[in-house]
Amino acid sequence: MSSIYANLYIFLVVIIPAMAVCMAPIITSIITNIINPEITLLAFTLTSATEFTVTLGLASTVKN
């Protein structure tokens, strides 16, 4: 039963905020794309890779 709560905690604390943070560059890129299309893709790729790494790090820390 405790593992269900642990998984729920991981979902609420790690996954939902990470999804929100990962959505931010997408929204930003849509706005930036109108202004300057070249910068957008690079910035989006960098932020997505960083957030993915941070999310994995947080998930493994909480799990351990």
PDB file of N, CA and C in Angstrom:
ATOM      1  N   MET A   1       0.830  -1.212   0.000  1.00  0.00           N
ATOM      2  CA  MET A   1       0.000   0.000   0.000  1.00  0.00           C
ATOM      3  C   MET A   1       0.866   1.264   0.000  1.00  0.00           C
ATOM      4  N   SER A   2       1.983   1.200   0.713  1.00  0.00           N
ATOM      5  CA  SER A   2       2.852   2.376   0.794  1.00  0.00           C
ATOM      6  C   SER A   2       3.497   2.699  -0.554  1.00  0.00           C
ATOM      7  N   SER A   3       3.726   1.669  -1.378  1.00  0.00           N
ATOM      8  CA  SER A   3       4.325   1.912  -2.693  1.00  0.00           C
ATOM      9  C   SER A   3       3.387   2.707  -3.600  1.00  0.00           C
ATOM     10  N   ILE A   4       2.078   2.523  -3.407  1.00  0.00           N
ATOM     11  CA  ILE A   4       1.097   3.288  -4.183  1.00  0.00           C
ATOM     12  C   ILE A   4       1.213   4.774  -3.830  1.00  0.00           C
ATOM     13  N   TYR A   5       1.344   5.052  -2.532  1.00  0.00           N
ATOM     14  CA  TYR A   5       1.496   6.440  -2.088  1.00  0.00           C
ATOM     15  C   TYR A   5       2.833   7.024  -2.539  1.00  0.00           C
ATOM     16  N   ALA A   6       3.874   6.205  -2.534  1.00  0.00           N
ATOM     17  CA  ALA A   6       5.189   6.659  -2.996  1.00  0.00           C
ATOM     18  C   ALA A   6       5.144   7.027  -4.474  1.00  0.00           C
ATOM     19  N   ASN A   7       4.486   6.187  -5.265  1.00  0.00           N
ATOM     20  CA  ASN A   7       4.355   6.470  -6.694  1.00  0.00           C
ATOM     21  C   ASN A   7       3.498   7.704  -6.952  1.00  0.00           C
ATOM     22  N   LEU A   8       2.451   7.873  -6.160  1.00  0.00           N
ATOM     23  CA  LEU A   8       1.595   9.051  -6.275  1.00  0.00           C
ATOM     24  C   LEU A   8       2.377  10.315  -5.923  1.00  0.00           C
ATOM     25  N   TYR A   9       3.210  10.215  -4.887  1.00  0.00           N
ATOM     26  CA  TYR A   9       4.055  11.330  -4.457  1.00  0.00           C
ATOM     27  C   TYR A   9       5.038  11.713  -5.557  1.00  0.00           C
ATOM     28  N   ILE A  10       5.674  10.704  -6.165  1.00  0.00           N
ATOM     29  CA  ILE A  10       6.608  10.956  -7.270  1.00  0.00           C
ATOM     30  C   ILE A  10       5.879  11.639  -8.419  1.00  0.00           C
ATOM     31  N   PHE A  11       4.670  11.165  -8.708  1.00  0.00           N
ATOM     32  CA  PHE A  11       3.884  11.740  -9.804  1.00  0.00           C
ATOM     33  C   PHE A  11       3.546  13.196  -9.528  1.00  0.00           C
ATOM     34  N   LEU A  12       3.097  13.492  -8.301  1.00  0.00           N
ATOM     35  CA  LEU A  12       2.680  14.856  -7.957  1.00  0.00           C
ATOM     36  C   LEU A  12       3.857  15.813  -7.840  1.00  0.00           C
ATOM     37  N   VAL A  13       4.959  15.348  -7.241  1.00  0.00           N
ATOM     38  CA  VAL A  13       6.081  16.240  -6.936  1.00  0.00           C
ATOM     39  C   VAL A  13       7.049  16.374  -8.104  1.00  0.00           C
ATOM     40  N   VAL A  14       7.273  15.292  -8.850  1.00  0.00           N
ATOM     41  CA  VAL A  14       8.295  15.304  -9.896  1.00  0.00           C
ATOM     42  C   VAL A  14       7.698  15.446 -11.291  1.00  0.00           C
ATOM     43  N   ILE A  15       6.757  14.587 -11.631  1.00  0.00           N
ATOM     44  CA  ILE A  15       6.306  14.499 -13.025  1.00  0.00           C
ATOM     45  C   ILE A  15       5.458  15.694 -13.444  1.00  0.00           C
ATOM     46  N   ILE A  16       4.486  16.085 -12.624  1.00  0.00           N
ATOM     47  CA  ILE A  16       3.611  17.213 -12.989  1.00  0.00           C
ATOM     48  C   ILE A  16       4.386  18.535 -13.105  1.00  0.00           C
ATOM     49  N   PRO A  17       5.236  18.898 -12.115  1.00  0.00           N
ATOM     50  CA  PRO A  17       6.042  20.119 -12.293  1.00  0.00           C
ATOM     51  C   PRO A  17       6.981  20.028 -13.488  1.00  0.00           C
ATOM     52  N   ALA A  18       7.558  18.853 -13.714  1.00  0.00           N
ATOM     53  CA  ALA A  18       8.459  18.679 -14.861  1.00  0.00           C
ATOM     54  C   ALA A  18       7.712  18.872 -16.174  1.00  0.00           C
ATOM     55  N   MET A  19       6.492  18.356 -16.245  1.00  0.00           N
ATOM     56  CA  MET A  19       5.676  18.544 -17.442  1.00  0.00           C
ATOM     57  C   MET A  19       5.365  20.021 -17.652  1.00  0.00           C
ATOM     58  N   ALA A  20       5.071  20.713 -16.567  1.00  0.00           N
ATOM     59  CA  ALA A  20       4.781  22.152 -16.655  1.00  0.00           C
ATOM     60  C   ALA A  20       6.001  22.916 -17.145  1.00  0.00           C
ATOM     61  N   VAL A  21       7.175  22.553 -16.617  1.00  0.00           N
ATOM     62  CA  VAL A  21       8.417  23.220 -17.013  1.00  0.00           C
ATOM     63  C   VAL A  21       8.777  22.866 -18.451  1.00  0.00           C
ATOM     64  N   CYS A  22       8.506  21.638 -18.856  1.00  0.00           N
ATOM     65  CA  CYS A  22       8.787  21.227 -20.235  1.00  0.00           C
ATOM     66  C   CYS A  22       7.838  21.888 -21.232  1.00  0.00           C
ATOM     67  N   MET A  23       6.644  22.248 -20.773  1.00  0.00           N
ATOM     68  CA  MET A  23       5.698  22.935 -21.651  1.00  0.00           C
ATOM     69  C   MET A  23       6.091  24.396 -21.862  1.00  0.00           C
ATOM     70  N   ALA A  24       6.795  24.973 -20.904  1.00  0.00           N
ATOM     71  CA  ALA A  24       7.198  26.380 -20.993  1.00  0.00           C
ATOM     72  C   ALA A  24       8.017  26.689 -22.248  1.00  0.00           C
ATOM     73  N   PRO A  25       9.072  25.898 -22.573  1.00  0.00           N
ATOM     74  CA  PRO A  25       9.815  26.198 -23.807  1.00  0.00           C
ATOM     75  C   PRO A  25       8.972  26.056 -25.076  1.00  0.00           C
ATOM     76  N   ILE A  26       7.996  25.161 -25.047  1.00  0.00           N
ATOM     77  CA  ILE A  26       7.131  24.993 -26.223  1.00  0.00           C
ATOM     78  C   ILE A  26       6.303  26.254 -26.445  1.00  0.00           C
ATOM     79  N   ILE A  27       5.718  26.759 -25.356  1.00  0.00           N
ATOM     80  CA  ILE A  27       4.920  27.987 -25.435  1.00  0.00           C
ATOM     81  C   ILE A  27       5.809  29.165 -25.827  1.00  0.00           C
ATOM     82  N   THR A  28       7.000  29.220 -25.214  1.00  0.00           N
ATOM     83  CA  THR A  28       7.958  30.284 -25.531  1.00  0.00           C
ATOM     84  C   THR A  28       8.388  30.205 -26.989  1.00  0.00           C
ATOM     85  N   SER A  29       8.629  28.984 -27.469  1.00  0.00           N
ATOM     86  CA  SER A  29       9.086  28.811 -28.851  1.00  0.00           C
ATOM     87  C   SER A  29       8.032  29.236 -29.860  1.00  0.00           C
ATOM     88  N   ILE A  30       6.775  29.014 -29.521  1.00  0.00           N
ATOM     89  CA  ILE A  30       5.688  29.448 -30.412  1.00  0.00           C
ATOM     90  C   ILE A  30       5.697  30.973 -30.537  1.00  0.00           C
ATOM     91  N   ILE A  31       5.901  31.644 -29.394  1.00  0.00           N
ATOM     92  CA  ILE A  31       5.953  33.110 -29.395  1.00  0.00           C
ATOM     93  C   ILE A  31       7.214  33.601 -30.110  1.00  0.00           C
ATOM     94  N   THR A  32       8.359  32.965 -29.788  1.00  0.00           N
ATOM     95  CA  THR A  32       9.638  33.377 -30.373  1.00  0.00           C
ATOM     96  C   THR A  32       9.696  33.074 -31.864  1.00  0.00           C
ATOM     97  N   ASN A  33       9.038  32.008 -32.268  1.00  0.00           N
ATOM     98  CA  ASN A  33       9.042  31.586 -33.669  1.00  0.00           C
ATOM     99  C   ASN A  33       8.502  32.665 -34.594  1.00  0.00           C
ATOM    100  N   ILE A  34       7.576  33.446 -34.100  1.00  0.00           N
ATOM    101  CA  ILE A  34       7.007  34.552 -34.870  1.00  0.00           C
ATOM    102  C   ILE A  34       8.074  35.637 -35.079  1.00  0.00           C
ATOM    103  N   ILE A  35       8.897  35.846 -34.033  1.00  0.00           N
ATOM    104  CA  ILE A  35       9.910  36.902 -34.076  1.00  0.00           C
ATOM    105  C   ILE A  35      11.179  36.438 -34.801  1.00  0.00           C
ATOM    106  N   ASN A  36      11.754  35.299 -34.344  1.00  0.00           N
ATOM    107  CA  ASN A  36      13.022  34.833 -34.914  1.00  0.00           C
ATOM    108  C   ASN A  36      13.068  33.308 -34.973  1.00  0.00           C
ATOM    109  N   PRO A  37      12.800  32.705 -36.127  1.00  0.00           N
ATOM    110  CA  PRO A  37      12.688  31.240 -36.238  1.00  0.00           C
ATOM    111  C   PRO A  37      13.982  30.464 -35.997  1.00  0.00           C
ATOM    112  N   GLU A  38      15.163  31.071 -36.258  1.00  0.00           N
ATOM    113  CA  GLU A  38      16.423  30.327 -36.164  1.00  0.00           C
ATOM    114  C   GLU A  38      16.789  29.984 -34.722  1.00  0.00           C
ATOM    115  N   ILE A  39      16.589  30.933 -33.815  1.00  0.00           N
ATOM    116  CA  ILE A  39      16.978  30.757 -32.409  1.00  0.00           C
ATOM    117  C   ILE A  39      16.082  29.727 -31.715  1.00  0.00           C
ATOM    118  N   THR A  40      14.826  29.695 -32.108  1.00  0.00           N
ATOM    119  CA  THR A  40      13.804  28.909 -31.416  1.00  0.00           C
ATOM    120  C   THR A  40      14.157  27.440 -31.279  1.00  0.00           C
ATOM    121  N   LEU A  41      14.534  26.801 -32.375  1.00  0.00           N
ATOM    122  CA  LEU A  41      14.790  25.362 -32.375  1.00  0.00           C
ATOM    123  C   LEU A  41      15.955  25.008 -31.462  1.00  0.00           C
ATOM    124  N   LEU A  42      17.024  25.789 -31.525  1.00  0.00           N
ATOM    125  CA  LEU A  42      18.195  25.554 -30.682  1.00  0.00           C
ATOM    126  C   LEU A  42      17.845  25.710 -29.211  1.00  0.00           C
ATOM    127  N   ALA A  43      17.156  26.788 -28.875  1.00  0.00           N
ATOM    128  CA  ALA A  43      16.765  27.049 -27.493  1.00  0.00           C
ATOM    129  C   ALA A  43      15.841  25.956 -26.975  1.00  0.00           C
ATOM    130  N   PHE A  44      14.893  25.534 -27.794  1.00  0.00           N
ATOM    131  CA  PHE A  44      13.943  24.496 -27.412  1.00  0.00           C
ATOM    132  C   PHE A  44      14.647  23.168 -27.162  1.00  0.00           C
ATOM    133  N   THR A  45      15.596  22.814 -28.033  1.00  0.00           N
ATOM    134  CA  THR A  45      16.333  21.552 -27.897  1.00  0.00           C
ATOM    135  C   THR A  45      17.158  21.552 -26.622  1.00  0.00           C
ATOM    136  N   LEU A  46      17.837  22.653 -26.346  1.00  0.00           N
ATOM    137  CA  LEU A  46      18.673  22.753 -25.144  1.00  0.00           C
ATOM    138  C   LEU A  46      17.842  22.662 -23.873  1.00  0.00           C
ATOM    139  N   THR A  47      16.747  23.411 -23.806  1.00  0.00           N
ATOM    140  CA  THR A  47      15.920  23.402 -22.596  1.00  0.00           C
ATOM    141  C   THR A  47      15.253  22.056 -22.392  1.00  0.00           C
ATOM    142  N   SER A  48      14.800  21.420 -23.458  1.00  0.00           N
ATOM    143  CA  SER A  48      14.152  20.111 -23.345  1.00  0.00           C
ATOM    144  C   SER A  48      15.121  19.065 -22.826  1.00  0.00           C
ATOM    145  N   ALA A  49      16.344  19.062 -23.353  1.00  0.00           N
ATOM    146  CA  ALA A  49      17.364  18.108 -22.914  1.00  0.00           C
ATOM    147  C   ALA A  49      17.708  18.327 -21.447  1.00  0.00           C
ATOM    148  N   THR A  50      17.840  19.589 -21.047  1.00  0.00           N
ATOM    149  CA  THR A  50      18.158  19.927 -19.660  1.00  0.00           C
ATOM    150  C   THR A  50      17.047  19.492 -18.724  1.00  0.00           C
ATOM    151  N   GLU A  51      15.821  19.812 -19.071  1.00  0.00           N
ATOM    152  CA  GLU A  51      14.687  19.459 -18.212  1.00  0.00           C
ATOM    153  C   GLU A  51      14.507  17.952 -18.103  1.00  0.00           C
ATOM    154  N   PHE A  52      14.751  17.240 -19.190  1.00  0.00           N
ATOM    155  CA  PHE A  52      14.644  15.783 -19.171  1.00  0.00           C
ATOM    156  C   PHE A  52      15.670  15.187 -18.213  1.00  0.00           C
ATOM    157  N   THR A  53      16.903  15.707 -18.262  1.00  0.00           N
ATOM    158  CA  THR A  53      17.973  15.240 -17.377  1.00  0.00           C
ATOM    159  C   THR A  53      17.642  15.541 -15.927  1.00  0.00           C
ATOM    160  N   VAL A  54      17.163  16.746 -15.654  1.00  0.00           N
ATOM    161  CA  VAL A  54      16.788  17.149 -14.293  1.00  0.00           C
ATOM    162  C   VAL A  54      15.657  16.272 -13.770  1.00  0.00           C
ATOM    163  N   THR A  55      14.681  15.999 -14.619  1.00  0.00           N
ATOM    164  CA  THR A  55      13.547  15.150 -14.230  1.00  0.00           C
ATOM    165  C   THR A  55      14.008  13.747 -13.870  1.00  0.00           C
ATOM    166  N   LEU A  56      14.880  13.182 -14.686  1.00  0.00           N
ATOM    167  CA  LEU A  56      15.413  11.842 -14.403  1.00  0.00           C
ATOM    168  C   LEU A  56      16.194  11.836 -13.096  1.00  0.00           C
ATOM    169  N   GLY A  57      16.990  12.872 -12.879  1.00  0.00           N
ATOM    170  CA  GLY A  57      17.764  12.990 -11.640  1.00  0.00           C
ATOM    171  C   GLY A  57      16.867  13.075 -10.426  1.00  0.00           C
ATOM    172  N   LEU A  58      15.828  13.885 -10.493  1.00  0.00           N
ATOM    173  CA  LEU A  58      14.878  14.017  -9.383  1.00  0.00           C
ATOM    174  C   LEU A  58      14.133  12.719  -9.122  1.00  0.00           C
ATOM    175  N   ALA A  59      13.705  12.060 -10.200  1.00  0.00           N
ATOM    176  CA  ALA A  59      12.956  10.808 -10.063  1.00  0.00           C
ATOM    177  C   ALA A  59      13.797   9.733  -9.392  1.00  0.00           C
ATOM    178  N   SER A  60      15.068   9.633  -9.787  1.00  0.00           N
ATOM    179  CA  SER A  60      15.940   8.616  -9.192  1.00  0.00           C
ATOM    180  C   SER A  60      16.264   8.952  -7.740  1.00  0.00           C
ATOM    181  N   THR A  61      16.384  10.242  -7.425  1.00  0.00           N
ATOM    182  CA  THR A  61      16.660  10.666  -6.049  1.00  0.00           C
ATOM    183  C   THR A  61      15.487  10.336  -5.139  1.00  0.00           C
ATOM    184  N   VAL A  62      14.277  10.640  -5.593  1.00  0.00           N
ATOM    185  CA  VAL A  62      13.077  10.373  -4.797  1.00  0.00           C
ATOM    186  C   VAL A  62      12.886   8.869  -4.611  1.00  0.00           C
ATOM    187  N   LYS A  63      13.150   8.113  -5.668  1.00  0.00           N
ATOM    188  CA  LYS A  63      12.973   6.659  -5.618  1.00  0.00           C
ATOM    189  C   LYS A  63      13.948   6.008  -4.633  1.00  0.00           C
ATOM    190  N   ASN A  64      15.178   6.514  -4.584  1.00  0.00           N
ATOM    191  CA  ASN A  64      16.181   5.971  -3.657  1.00  0.00           C
ATOM    192  C   ASN A  64      15.945   6.518  -2.265  1.00  0.00           C
TER     193      ASN A  64
END
